[in-house]
Structure formats: C-alpha cells, structure tokens
C-alpha cells in the first residue's frame, strides 16, 4: 500500500477494530481480538520521558545487559535500581 490515502484508511480501520475489539474476516466470520488486546495492555508499561532517558543511558553504558541470551527484563524506577527478571 503506497498511497497516502490507502495508509490513512488502513490506520483508520485498525483503530476502529481496536475500539470494537473484533473484525470480520474475508470469509464473513467475526474474529475477536479482545483477549489479545487485554494481554497486550496488561503487559505494557508507561515510562515518563525522564525514565526513558535514564533507561537509555543505562543501556548505552552497559549494552551487555540487553544482549544476554534468554533474559527478558523490565525495569521499574519506582524504587532505586529494582529489576525484575522473567
């Protein structure tokens, strides 16, 4: 999809699907995305611009933290240097 209007239409449709929580596929079947949206929202975290800058600085200063195999991390800055590993 190369045209600007085509991309804008796709974006509009995507937002409508997200609002409704389902869409109709080409076979006419209703497909629910509500559970996937809930999981996505539950797994999301909000970072202020200051928190993102501190996180960027930390990653740049110790890139090995981000490249260790098998580790998925989530940083919380509410308390001093508390990390949670999954």
N, C-alpha and C. Protein backbone atom coordinates (compact mmCIF):
# COMPACT_ATOMS: atom_id res chain seq x y z
N UNK A 1 0.86 -1.17 0.00
CA UNK A 1 0.00 0.00 0.00
C UNK A 1 0.90 1.23 0.00
N UNK A 2 0.93 1.91 -1.11
CA UNK A 2 1.85 3.01 -1.26
C UNK A 2 1.21 4.38 -1.14
N UNK A 3 -0.07 4.46 -1.43
CA UNK A 3 -0.69 5.78 -1.41
C UNK A 3 -0.94 6.25 0.02
N UNK A 4 -0.86 7.53 0.17
CA UNK A 4 -1.10 8.12 1.49
C UNK A 4 -2.53 7.86 1.95
N UNK A 5 -3.47 7.98 1.04
CA UNK A 5 -4.88 7.76 1.41
C UNK A 5 -5.11 6.29 1.78
N UNK A 6 -4.41 5.37 1.10
CA UNK A 6 -4.53 3.96 1.45
C UNK A 6 -4.01 3.66 2.83
N UNK A 7 -2.87 4.26 3.17
CA UNK A 7 -2.30 4.06 4.51
C UNK A 7 -3.19 4.70 5.57
N UNK A 8 -3.74 5.87 5.26
CA UNK A 8 -4.63 6.54 6.20
C UNK A 8 -5.89 5.72 6.44
N UNK A 9 -6.42 5.12 5.37
CA UNK A 9 -7.61 4.28 5.50
C UNK A 9 -7.31 3.04 6.33
N UNK A 10 -6.15 2.43 6.12
CA UNK A 10 -5.75 1.26 6.91
C UNK A 10 -5.62 1.63 8.39
N UNK A 11 -5.02 2.78 8.66
CA UNK A 11 -4.86 3.23 10.05
C UNK A 11 -6.22 3.46 10.70
N UNK A 12 -7.12 4.08 9.96
CA UNK A 12 -8.47 4.34 10.49
C UNK A 12 -9.19 3.03 10.79
N UNK A 13 -9.09 2.08 9.87
CA UNK A 13 -9.72 0.77 10.06
C UNK A 13 -9.11 0.05 11.27
N UNK A 14 -7.80 0.13 11.42
CA UNK A 14 -7.11 -0.51 12.55
C UNK A 14 -7.61 0.06 13.86
N UNK A 15 -7.74 1.37 13.94
CA UNK A 15 -8.23 1.99 15.18
C UNK A 15 -9.67 1.59 15.46
N UNK A 16 -10.49 1.47 14.42
CA UNK A 16 -11.87 1.03 14.62
C UNK A 16 -11.92 -0.40 15.15
N UNK A 17 -11.09 -1.29 14.60
CA UNK A 17 -11.04 -2.67 15.07
C UNK A 17 -10.62 -2.71 16.53
N UNK A 18 -9.62 -1.90 16.89
CA UNK A 18 -9.17 -1.86 18.27
C UNK A 18 -10.27 -1.36 19.20
N UNK A 19 -11.03 -0.37 18.77
CA UNK A 19 -12.12 0.16 19.60
C UNK A 19 -13.21 -0.88 19.82
N UNK A 20 -13.57 -1.59 18.76
CA UNK A 20 -14.66 -2.56 18.82
C UNK A 20 -14.20 -3.88 19.45
N UNK A 21 -12.94 -4.24 19.23
CA UNK A 21 -12.41 -5.48 19.79
C UNK A 21 -12.62 -6.70 18.91
N UNK A 22 -13.04 -6.46 17.69
CA UNK A 22 -13.24 -7.56 16.74
C UNK A 22 -13.29 -7.01 15.32
N UNK A 23 -13.16 -7.94 14.36
CA UNK A 23 -13.29 -7.57 12.95
C UNK A 23 -13.91 -8.74 12.20
N UNK A 24 -14.34 -8.49 10.99
CA UNK A 24 -14.92 -9.53 10.15
C UNK A 24 -13.90 -9.87 9.07
N UNK A 25 -13.52 -11.17 9.02
CA UNK A 25 -12.52 -11.59 8.04
C UNK A 25 -13.15 -11.76 6.66
N UNK A 26 -12.34 -12.04 5.62
CA UNK A 26 -12.88 -12.17 4.26
C UNK A 26 -13.94 -13.27 4.10
N UNK A 27 -13.96 -14.26 5.01
CA UNK A 27 -14.97 -15.31 4.95
C UNK A 27 -16.26 -14.91 5.65
N UNK A 28 -16.30 -13.69 6.19
CA UNK A 28 -17.51 -13.20 6.85
C UNK A 28 -17.60 -13.58 8.31
N UNK A 29 -16.54 -14.14 8.86
CA UNK A 29 -16.55 -14.58 10.26
C UNK A 29 -16.07 -13.44 11.17
N UNK A 30 -16.70 -13.32 12.31
CA UNK A 30 -16.28 -12.33 13.30
C UNK A 30 -15.10 -12.88 14.08
N UNK A 31 -14.02 -12.11 14.12
CA UNK A 31 -12.80 -12.53 14.81
C UNK A 31 -12.56 -11.57 15.99
N UNK A 32 -12.55 -12.12 17.18
CA UNK A 32 -12.34 -11.31 18.38
C UNK A 32 -10.85 -11.09 18.64
N UNK A 33 -10.50 -9.86 18.94
CA UNK A 33 -9.12 -9.55 19.34
C UNK A 33 -9.11 -9.02 20.78
N UNK A 34 -10.25 -9.11 21.44
CA UNK A 34 -10.38 -8.55 22.79
C UNK A 34 -9.39 -9.17 23.77
N UNK A 35 -9.26 -10.50 23.75
CA UNK A 35 -8.36 -11.17 24.68
C UNK A 35 -6.90 -10.78 24.40
N UNK A 36 -6.55 -10.72 23.13
CA UNK A 36 -5.19 -10.33 22.76
C UNK A 36 -4.92 -8.87 23.16
N UNK A 37 -5.90 -8.01 23.00
CA UNK A 37 -5.75 -6.61 23.39
C UNK A 37 -5.58 -6.48 24.91
N UNK A 38 -6.34 -7.26 25.67
CA UNK A 38 -6.21 -7.24 27.12
C UNK A 38 -4.82 -7.69 27.55
N UNK A 39 -4.31 -8.75 26.92
CA UNK A 39 -2.97 -9.24 27.25
C UNK A 39 -1.91 -8.20 26.88
N UNK A 40 -2.09 -7.56 25.76
CA UNK A 40 -1.16 -6.52 25.33
C UNK A 40 -1.15 -5.36 26.34
N UNK A 41 -2.32 -4.91 26.72
CA UNK A 41 -2.42 -3.81 27.68
C UNK A 41 -1.86 -4.20 29.04
N UNK A 42 -2.11 -5.43 29.46
CA UNK A 42 -1.61 -5.89 30.76
C UNK A 42 -0.08 -5.97 30.76
N UNK A 43 0.51 -6.26 29.61
CA UNK A 43 1.95 -6.39 29.51
C UNK A 43 2.67 -5.09 29.18
N UNK A 44 1.93 -4.00 29.10
CA UNK A 44 2.53 -2.71 28.75
C UNK A 44 2.82 -1.89 29.99
N UNK A 45 3.83 -1.06 29.90
CA UNK A 45 4.16 -0.16 31.00
C UNK A 45 4.35 1.24 30.44
N UNK A 46 4.03 2.22 31.24
CA UNK A 46 4.20 3.62 30.87
C UNK A 46 5.49 4.15 31.47
N UNK A 47 6.28 4.80 30.65
CA UNK A 47 7.51 5.44 31.10
C UNK A 47 7.43 6.92 30.80
N UNK A 48 7.79 7.73 31.76
CA UNK A 48 7.86 9.17 31.52
C UNK A 48 9.09 9.45 30.66
N UNK A 49 9.16 10.62 30.03
CA UNK A 49 10.36 10.95 29.24
C UNK A 49 11.65 10.85 30.06
N UNK A 50 11.61 11.27 31.32
CA UNK A 50 12.79 11.18 32.18
C UNK A 50 13.19 9.74 32.44
N UNK A 51 12.21 8.86 32.67
CA UNK A 51 12.51 7.45 32.89
C UNK A 51 13.11 6.82 31.63
N UNK A 52 12.58 7.18 30.47
CA UNK A 52 13.13 6.65 29.22
C UNK A 52 14.56 7.11 29.00
N UNK A 53 14.85 8.36 29.33
CA UNK A 53 16.21 8.86 29.16
C UNK A 53 17.18 8.14 30.10
N UNK A 54 16.77 7.91 31.34
CA UNK A 54 17.62 7.17 32.28
C UNK A 54 17.83 5.74 31.80
N UNK A 55 16.79 5.12 31.28
CA UNK A 55 16.89 3.76 30.76
C UNK A 55 17.83 3.72 29.56
N UNK A 56 17.72 4.69 28.66
CA UNK A 56 18.61 4.77 27.51
C UNK A 56 20.05 4.90 27.94
N UNK A 57 20.30 5.77 28.89
CA UNK A 57 21.66 5.96 29.39
C UNK A 57 22.20 4.67 30.00
N UNK A 58 21.36 3.94 30.73
CA UNK A 58 21.79 2.69 31.34
C UNK A 58 22.13 1.65 30.29
N UNK A 59 21.32 1.54 29.26
CA UNK A 59 21.56 0.56 28.21
C UNK A 59 22.82 0.92 27.43
N UNK A 60 23.01 2.19 27.13
CA UNK A 60 24.21 2.62 26.40
C UNK A 60 25.46 2.37 27.23
N UNK A 61 25.37 2.56 28.54
CA UNK A 61 26.55 2.37 29.39
C UNK A 61 26.86 0.90 29.63
N UNK A 62 25.87 0.00 29.52
CA UNK A 62 26.08 -1.44 29.74
C UNK A 62 25.27 -2.24 28.73
N UNK A 63 25.68 -2.25 27.45
CA UNK A 63 24.89 -2.95 26.43
C UNK A 63 24.80 -4.45 26.64
N UNK A 64 25.71 -5.05 27.40
CA UNK A 64 25.66 -6.49 27.65
C UNK A 64 24.37 -6.86 28.38
N UNK A 65 23.82 -5.94 29.15
CA UNK A 65 22.57 -6.18 29.86
C UNK A 65 21.46 -6.55 28.89
N UNK A 66 21.48 -5.95 27.71
CA UNK A 66 20.43 -6.18 26.73
C UNK A 66 20.70 -7.37 25.83
N UNK A 67 21.91 -7.92 25.83
CA UNK A 67 22.25 -8.97 24.87
C UNK A 67 22.41 -10.35 25.49
N UNK A 68 22.24 -10.46 26.81
CA UNK A 68 22.37 -11.77 27.43
C UNK A 68 21.25 -12.68 26.93
N UNK A 69 21.57 -13.87 26.40
CA UNK A 69 20.55 -14.74 25.82
C UNK A 69 19.57 -15.25 26.87
N UNK A 70 18.32 -15.34 26.47
CA UNK A 70 17.30 -15.93 27.32
C UNK A 70 16.75 -15.04 28.41
N UNK A 71 17.18 -13.81 28.48
CA UNK A 71 16.69 -12.94 29.54
C UNK A 71 15.73 -11.91 28.98
N UNK A 72 14.61 -11.79 29.62
CA UNK A 72 13.64 -10.77 29.28
C UNK A 72 13.51 -9.91 30.53
N UNK A 73 13.72 -8.62 30.38
CA UNK A 73 13.75 -7.78 31.57
C UNK A 73 12.76 -6.64 31.46
N UNK A 74 12.40 -6.16 32.61
CA UNK A 74 11.53 -5.00 32.70
C UNK A 74 12.06 -4.14 33.86
N UNK A 75 12.34 -2.91 33.58
CA UNK A 75 12.91 -2.01 34.59
C UNK A 75 11.78 -1.21 35.24
N UNK A 76 11.85 -1.10 36.53
CA UNK A 76 10.94 -0.23 37.26
C UNK A 76 11.77 0.77 38.04
N UNK A 77 11.48 2.03 37.84
CA UNK A 77 12.24 3.09 38.50
C UNK A 77 11.53 3.63 39.74
N UNK A 78 10.44 3.00 40.13
CA UNK A 78 9.72 3.49 41.32
C UNK A 78 10.60 3.38 42.55
N UNK A 79 11.39 2.32 42.62
CA UNK A 79 12.35 2.18 43.71
C UNK A 79 13.74 2.09 43.11
N UNK A 80 14.73 2.40 43.87
CA UNK A 80 16.10 2.52 43.38
C UNK A 80 16.62 1.20 42.79
N UNK A 81 16.92 1.22 41.49
CA UNK A 81 17.58 0.13 40.78
C UNK A 81 16.96 -1.24 41.04
N UNK A 82 15.64 -1.32 41.11
CA UNK A 82 14.99 -2.60 41.29
C UNK A 82 14.69 -3.18 39.91
N UNK A 83 15.18 -4.36 39.62
CA UNK A 83 14.94 -5.01 38.33
C UNK A 83 14.13 -6.28 38.55
N UNK A 84 13.30 -6.58 37.60
CA UNK A 84 12.50 -7.79 37.67
C UNK A 84 12.83 -8.61 36.44
N UNK A 85 13.29 -9.84 36.62
CA UNK A 85 13.65 -10.72 35.52
C UNK A 85 12.55 -11.74 35.33
N UNK A 86 12.22 -12.03 34.07
CA UNK A 86 11.17 -13.00 33.74
C UNK A 86 11.79 -14.18 33.04
